Protein backbone atom coordinates (compact mmCIF):
# COMPACT_ATOMS: atom_id res chain seq x y z
CA UNK A 1 0.00 0.00 0.00
CA UNK A 2 1.49 3.32 -1.03
CA UNK A 3 0.96 6.89 0.12
CA UNK A 4 2.06 9.89 -1.89
CA UNK A 5 2.02 12.54 0.79
CA UNK A 6 2.57 11.98 4.50
CA UNK A 7 0.50 14.69 6.17
CA UNK A 8 -2.18 14.33 8.84
CA UNK A 9 -4.82 12.71 6.63
CA UNK A 10 -2.37 10.24 5.10
CA UNK A 11 -1.17 9.22 8.55
CA UNK A 12 -4.71 8.79 9.87
CA UNK A 13 -5.46 6.37 7.03
CA UNK A 14 -2.19 4.43 7.04
CA UNK A 15 -1.88 4.09 10.82
CA UNK A 16 -5.55 3.15 11.16
CA UNK A 17 -5.29 0.48 8.46
CA UNK A 18 -2.01 -0.81 9.85
CA UNK A 19 -3.43 -1.35 13.31
CA UNK A 20 -6.74 -2.81 12.09
CA UNK A 21 -5.66 -5.12 9.28
CA UNK A 22 -2.29 -6.05 10.83
CA UNK A 23 -0.24 -5.70 7.67
CA UNK A 24 3.53 -5.89 7.87
CA UNK A 25 5.49 -2.65 8.22
CA UNK A 26 7.34 -3.47 5.03
CA UNK A 27 4.07 -3.48 3.06
CA UNK A 28 3.75 0.30 3.42
CA UNK A 29 5.51 2.79 1.15
CA UNK A 30 5.34 6.54 1.84
CA UNK A 31 6.75 9.48 -0.09
CA UNK A 32 7.01 13.13 0.90
CA UNK A 33 9.19 16.05 -0.23
CA UNK A 34 10.72 16.65 3.21
CA UNK A 35 11.78 14.65 6.26
CA UNK A 36 9.17 16.31 8.50
CA UNK A 37 6.80 13.33 8.64
CA UNK A 38 8.99 10.61 7.17
CA UNK A 39 11.34 10.35 10.16
CA UNK A 40 8.77 8.88 12.56
CA UNK A 41 7.24 6.69 9.83
CA UNK A 42 10.67 5.25 9.09
CA UNK A 43 11.05 4.44 12.79
CA UNK A 44 7.83 2.43 12.54
CA UNK A 45 9.46 0.32 9.86
CA UNK A 46 7.73 1.81 6.81
CA UNK A 47 9.53 2.23 3.52
CA UNK A 48 9.99 5.99 3.10
CA UNK A 49 11.31 8.00 0.19
CA UNK A 50 11.32 11.43 -1.44
CA UNK A 51 10.63 9.81 -4.81
CA UNK A 52 6.94 9.41 -5.72
CA UNK A 53 7.90 7.09 -8.56
CA UNK A 54 9.38 4.62 -6.09
CA UNK A 55 6.02 4.34 -4.32
CA UNK A 56 4.24 3.66 -7.61
CA UNK A 57 6.80 1.04 -8.65
CA UNK A 58 6.29 -0.94 -5.43
CA UNK A 59 2.52 -0.67 -4.78
CA UNK A 60 -0.74 -1.75 -6.41
CA UNK A 61 -2.92 0.46 -4.19
CA UNK A 62 -1.78 4.07 -3.99
CA UNK A 63 -3.36 6.83 -1.91
CA UNK A 64 -2.81 10.30 -3.33
CA UNK A 65 -2.76 12.50 -0.22
CA UNK A 66 -1.47 15.83 -1.50
CA UNK A 67 -2.93 19.34 -1.63
CA UNK A 68 -5.38 19.99 -4.48
CA UNK A 69 -3.04 22.48 -6.19
CA UNK A 70 -0.27 19.86 -6.50
CA UNK A 71 -2.46 17.04 -7.84
CA UNK A 72 -1.90 17.79 -11.55
CA UNK A 73 1.88 17.90 -11.11
CA UNK A 74 2.02 14.65 -9.14
CA UNK A 75 -0.34 12.82 -11.51
CA UNK A 76 1.70 13.92 -14.52
CA UNK A 77 4.87 12.77 -12.77
CA UNK A 78 3.66 9.24 -12.02
CA UNK A 79 1.62 8.80 -15.20
CA UNK A 80 4.40 7.21 -17.31
CA UNK A 81 4.79 4.23 -14.97
CA UNK A 82 1.20 3.80 -13.76
CA UNK A 83 -0.35 0.54 -14.98
CA UNK A 84 -3.91 -0.65 -15.47
CA UNK A 85 -3.50 -3.06 -12.55
CA UNK A 86 -2.93 -0.28 -10.04
CA UNK A 87 -5.61 1.72 -8.24
CA UNK A 88 -5.05 5.40 -7.47
CA UNK A 89 -7.16 6.74 -4.58
CA UNK A 90 -7.32 10.53 -4.36
CA UNK A 91 -8.31 12.32 -1.15
CA UNK A 92 -7.88 15.81 -2.65
CA UNK A 93 -10.90 18.00 -1.93
CA UNK A 94 -12.80 19.24 -4.96
CA UNK A 95 -10.70 17.47 -7.60
CA UNK A 96 -13.01 15.43 -9.78
CA UNK A 97 -12.26 12.12 -11.43
CA UNK A 98 -12.32 13.75 -14.87
CA UNK A 99 -9.72 16.26 -13.67
CA UNK A 100 -7.49 13.46 -12.42
CA UNK A 101 -7.86 11.47 -15.63
CA UNK A 102 -6.62 14.44 -17.67
CA UNK A 103 -3.17 13.88 -16.18
CA UNK A 104 -3.17 10.07 -16.22
CA UNK A 105 -3.03 7.39 -18.94
CA UNK A 106 -6.37 6.32 -20.43
CA UNK A 107 -6.18 3.01 -18.61
CA UNK A 108 -5.50 4.64 -15.22
CA UNK A 109 -7.99 3.53 -12.58
CA UNK A 110 -9.07 6.22 -10.11
CA UNK A 111 -11.27 6.40 -7.03
CA UNK A 112 -12.11 9.57 -5.13
CA UNK A 113 -12.11 9.19 -1.36
CA UNK A 114 -13.40 11.62 1.25
CA UNK A 115 -12.15 10.40 4.66
CA UNK A 116 -11.85 12.10 8.01
CA UNK A 117 -9.28 12.14 10.79
CA UNK A 118 -11.34 9.90 13.10
CA UNK A 119 -10.01 7.00 11.03
CA UNK A 120 -6.97 7.04 13.31
CA UNK A 121 -9.33 6.04 16.15
CA UNK A 122 -10.99 3.42 13.89
CA UNK A 123 -14.21 5.44 14.03
CA UNK A 124 -14.01 7.46 10.84
CA UNK A 125 -16.37 8.22 8.00
CA UNK A 126 -15.37 7.66 4.38
CA UNK A 127 -17.20 8.25 1.10
CA UNK A 128 -15.97 6.66 -2.13
CA UNK A 129 -16.68 7.46 -5.76
CA UNK A 130 -15.21 5.18 -8.41
CA UNK A 131 -14.09 6.00 -11.92
CA UNK A 132 -16.06 4.35 -14.75
CA UNK A 133 -13.39 1.71 -15.38
CA UNK A 134 -12.91 0.56 -11.75
CA UNK A 135 -14.30 -2.94 -11.25
CA UNK A 136 -15.97 -4.49 -8.23
CA UNK A 137 -12.92 -6.54 -7.30
CA UNK A 138 -10.72 -3.50 -6.74
CA UNK A 139 -13.50 -1.62 -4.95
CA UNK A 140 -14.14 -4.57 -2.66
CA UNK A 141 -10.46 -4.64 -1.68
CA UNK A 142 -10.44 -0.90 -0.99
CA UNK A 143 -13.67 -1.07 0.99
CA UNK A 144 -12.38 -3.98 3.07
CA UNK A 145 -9.42 -1.88 4.15
CA UNK A 146 -11.38 1.30 4.81
CA UNK A 147 -14.31 -0.41 6.54
CA UNK A 148 -11.86 -1.66 9.16
CA UNK A 149 -11.44 1.94 10.33
CA UNK A 150 -14.58 3.76 9.20
CA UNK A 151 -18.17 3.82 8.09
CA UNK A 152 -17.64 3.53 4.35
CA UNK A 153 -20.22 4.32 1.66
CA UNK A 154 -20.08 4.67 -2.11
CA UNK A 155 -21.76 7.87 -3.32
CA UNK A 156 -22.36 9.77 -6.56
CA UNK A 157 -19.57 12.20 -7.39
CA UNK A 158 -21.86 15.24 -7.24
CA UNK A 159 -22.28 14.54 -3.50
CA UNK A 160 -18.56 14.39 -2.66
CA UNK A 161 -18.27 18.11 -1.88
CA UNK A 162 -21.21 17.91 0.54
CA UNK A 163 -19.72 14.83 2.19
CA UNK A 164 -16.49 16.76 2.65
CA UNK A 165 -18.33 19.71 4.18
CA UNK A 166 -20.16 17.43 6.62
CA UNK A 167 -18.03 14.45 7.66
CA UNK A 168 -14.68 15.42 6.14
CA UNK A 169 -14.55 18.70 8.06
CA UNK A 170 -16.93 17.51 10.79
CA UNK A 171 -14.29 16.45 13.35
CA UNK A 172 -13.12 20.06 13.57
CA UNK A 173 -16.67 21.22 14.32
CA UNK A 174 -17.04 18.54 17.00
CA UNK A 175 -13.65 19.36 18.56
CA UNK A 176 -14.81 22.94 18.86
CA UNK A 177 -18.01 21.75 20.56
CA UNK A 178 -16.06 19.54 22.97
CA UNK A 179 -13.75 22.43 23.79
CA UNK A 180 -16.70 24.72 24.48
CA UNK A 181 -18.45 22.18 26.71
CA UNK A 182 -15.23 21.59 28.66
CA UNK A 183 -14.67 25.32 29.10
CA UNK A 184 -18.18 25.59 30.47
CA UNK A 185 -17.42 22.84 32.95
CA UNK A 186 -14.23 24.60 34.07
CA UNK A 187 -16.14 27.86 34.43
CA UNK A 188 -18.56 26.07 36.75
CA UNK A 189 -15.81 24.56 38.90
CA UNK A 190 -14.69 21.27 37.31
CA UNK A 191 -11.02 20.55 36.82
CA UNK A 192 -9.76 20.90 33.25
CA UNK A 193 -8.97 17.20 33.00
CA UNK A 194 -12.36 16.07 34.29
CA UNK A 195 -14.26 18.61 32.18
CA UNK A 196 -12.51 17.50 28.99
CA UNK A 197 -13.07 13.81 29.70
CA UNK A 198 -16.74 14.32 30.54
CA UNK A 199 -17.32 16.50 27.46
CA UNK A 200 -15.65 14.06 25.06
CA UNK A 201 -17.42 11.05 26.57
CA UNK A 202 -20.76 12.87 26.41
CA UNK A 203 -20.33 13.56 22.71
CA UNK A 204 -19.23 9.99 21.99
CA UNK A 205 -22.06 8.45 24.02
CA UNK A 206 -24.68 10.72 22.47
CA UNK A 207 -23.48 9.84 18.95
CA UNK A 208 -23.55 6.14 19.80
CA UNK A 209 -27.11 6.48 21.10
CA UNK A 210 -28.24 8.10 17.83
CA UNK A 211 -26.58 5.39 15.72
CA UNK A 212 -27.72 2.42 17.78
CA UNK A 213 -31.25 3.50 18.69
CA UNK A 214 -32.32 4.81 15.29
CA UNK A 215 -34.28 7.53 17.11
CA UNK A 216 -34.19 11.03 15.65
CA UNK A 217 -31.89 13.40 17.58
CA UNK A 218 -34.77 15.81 18.18
CA UNK A 219 -36.74 13.11 19.98
CA UNK A 220 -33.72 12.07 22.04
CA UNK A 221 -33.21 15.71 23.00
CA UNK A 222 -36.86 16.10 24.01
CA UNK A 223 -36.57 12.97 26.15
CA UNK A 224 -34.08 14.72 28.46
CA UNK A 225 -35.79 18.12 28.54
CA UNK A 226 -38.05 17.99 31.61
CA UNK A 227 -40.53 20.84 32.22
CA UNK A 228 -38.74 23.68 34.03
CA UNK A 229 -35.64 21.48 34.21
CA UNK A 230 -31.96 22.26 33.78
CA UNK A 231 -31.55 20.79 30.30
CA UNK A 232 -34.28 22.89 28.66
CA UNK A 233 -32.62 25.99 30.12
CA UNK A 234 -29.32 24.98 28.51
CA UNK A 235 -31.02 24.19 25.20
CA UNK A 236 -32.72 27.58 25.29
CA UNK A 237 -29.33 29.27 25.73
CA UNK A 238 -28.02 27.39 22.68
CA UNK A 239 -31.08 28.25 20.60
CA UNK A 240 -30.64 31.94 21.42
CA UNK A 241 -27.13 31.65 19.94
CA UNK A 242 -28.46 29.91 16.79
CA UNK A 243 -26.16 26.92 17.28
CA UNK A 244 -28.01 24.67 14.82
CA UNK A 245 -27.92 27.35 12.15
CA UNK A 246 -24.21 27.84 12.80
CA UNK A 247 -23.52 24.14 12.17
CA UNK A 248 -25.62 24.23 9.00
CA UNK A 249 -23.70 27.27 7.76
CA UNK A 250 -20.37 25.57 8.56
CA UNK A 251 -21.28 22.59 6.38
CA UNK A 252 -22.46 24.90 3.62
CA UNK A 253 -19.33 27.08 3.75
CA UNK A 254 -16.99 24.09 3.65
CA UNK A 255 -18.95 22.52 0.77
CA UNK A 256 -18.82 25.72 -1.27
CA UNK A 257 -15.08 26.01 -0.66
CA UNK A 258 -14.61 22.46 -1.94
CA UNK A 259 -16.58 23.34 -5.08
CA UNK A 260 -14.44 26.45 -5.51
CA UNK A 261 -11.24 24.43 -5.26
CA UNK A 262 -12.55 22.06 -7.91
CA UNK A 263 -13.39 24.90 -10.30
CA UNK A 264 -9.83 26.15 -10.17
CA UNK A 265 -8.77 22.87 -11.76
CA UNK A 266 -11.78 22.53 -14.04
CA UNK A 267 -12.47 25.97 -15.57
CA UNK A 268 -15.28 24.61 -17.77
CA UNK A 269 -17.42 23.94 -14.68
CA UNK A 270 -20.69 25.94 -14.50
CA UNK A 271 -20.66 28.80 -12.03
């Protein structure tokens, strides 16, 4: 398994897969332009290099984990040695399959992937969109790896930007919520350590309840809002601050930014 790029997202995927599927260290190849991230990956026993071509030569499954503005350059670089047996998985926000294929050989097989950082905790979310020439066998292999560390769904490409705005960026929104809850606990007298633990566990438990019960979040919220109770007072304070609308606007803003990034690499896109 190869990774072109060794930043945070790449490490979340590779370390999550490594711990879940129990592959050998020597089965991982990682390239990056500097030593910043490669040093610790080398200590783990991974094959590291500054040469993207070396990753392609040694791997059949290759994750392209670089910034959107460098995707064309990297794809053009590896194109001469990419074969029809290899699968290139791009995590670049906004870059469509057609944009990727412009810089790859006709037989190049591409999948778009929208992961999130919770994959490192084996609790991520991942959306996949396959190119027209990617068969079920290759997709099944990719899904087997990613489902070991995430909820994994195949979606239409026109939904990938929205997925990125929701679950791709979502951990950052939730971290902000956890931080705010913990700060509130500290303000009311809890220790910082206890407040942070209680806030994080509350978020995790609430999410698990939604997933496992199948009950709508609004109904679950109403179930804990007793007449003249403490919870309804807290909910009222949140509603006065338009918290739900703020989350909706965050998803919208992130989605629109993803679309904007894609247009920069696909000028024929409709405005």
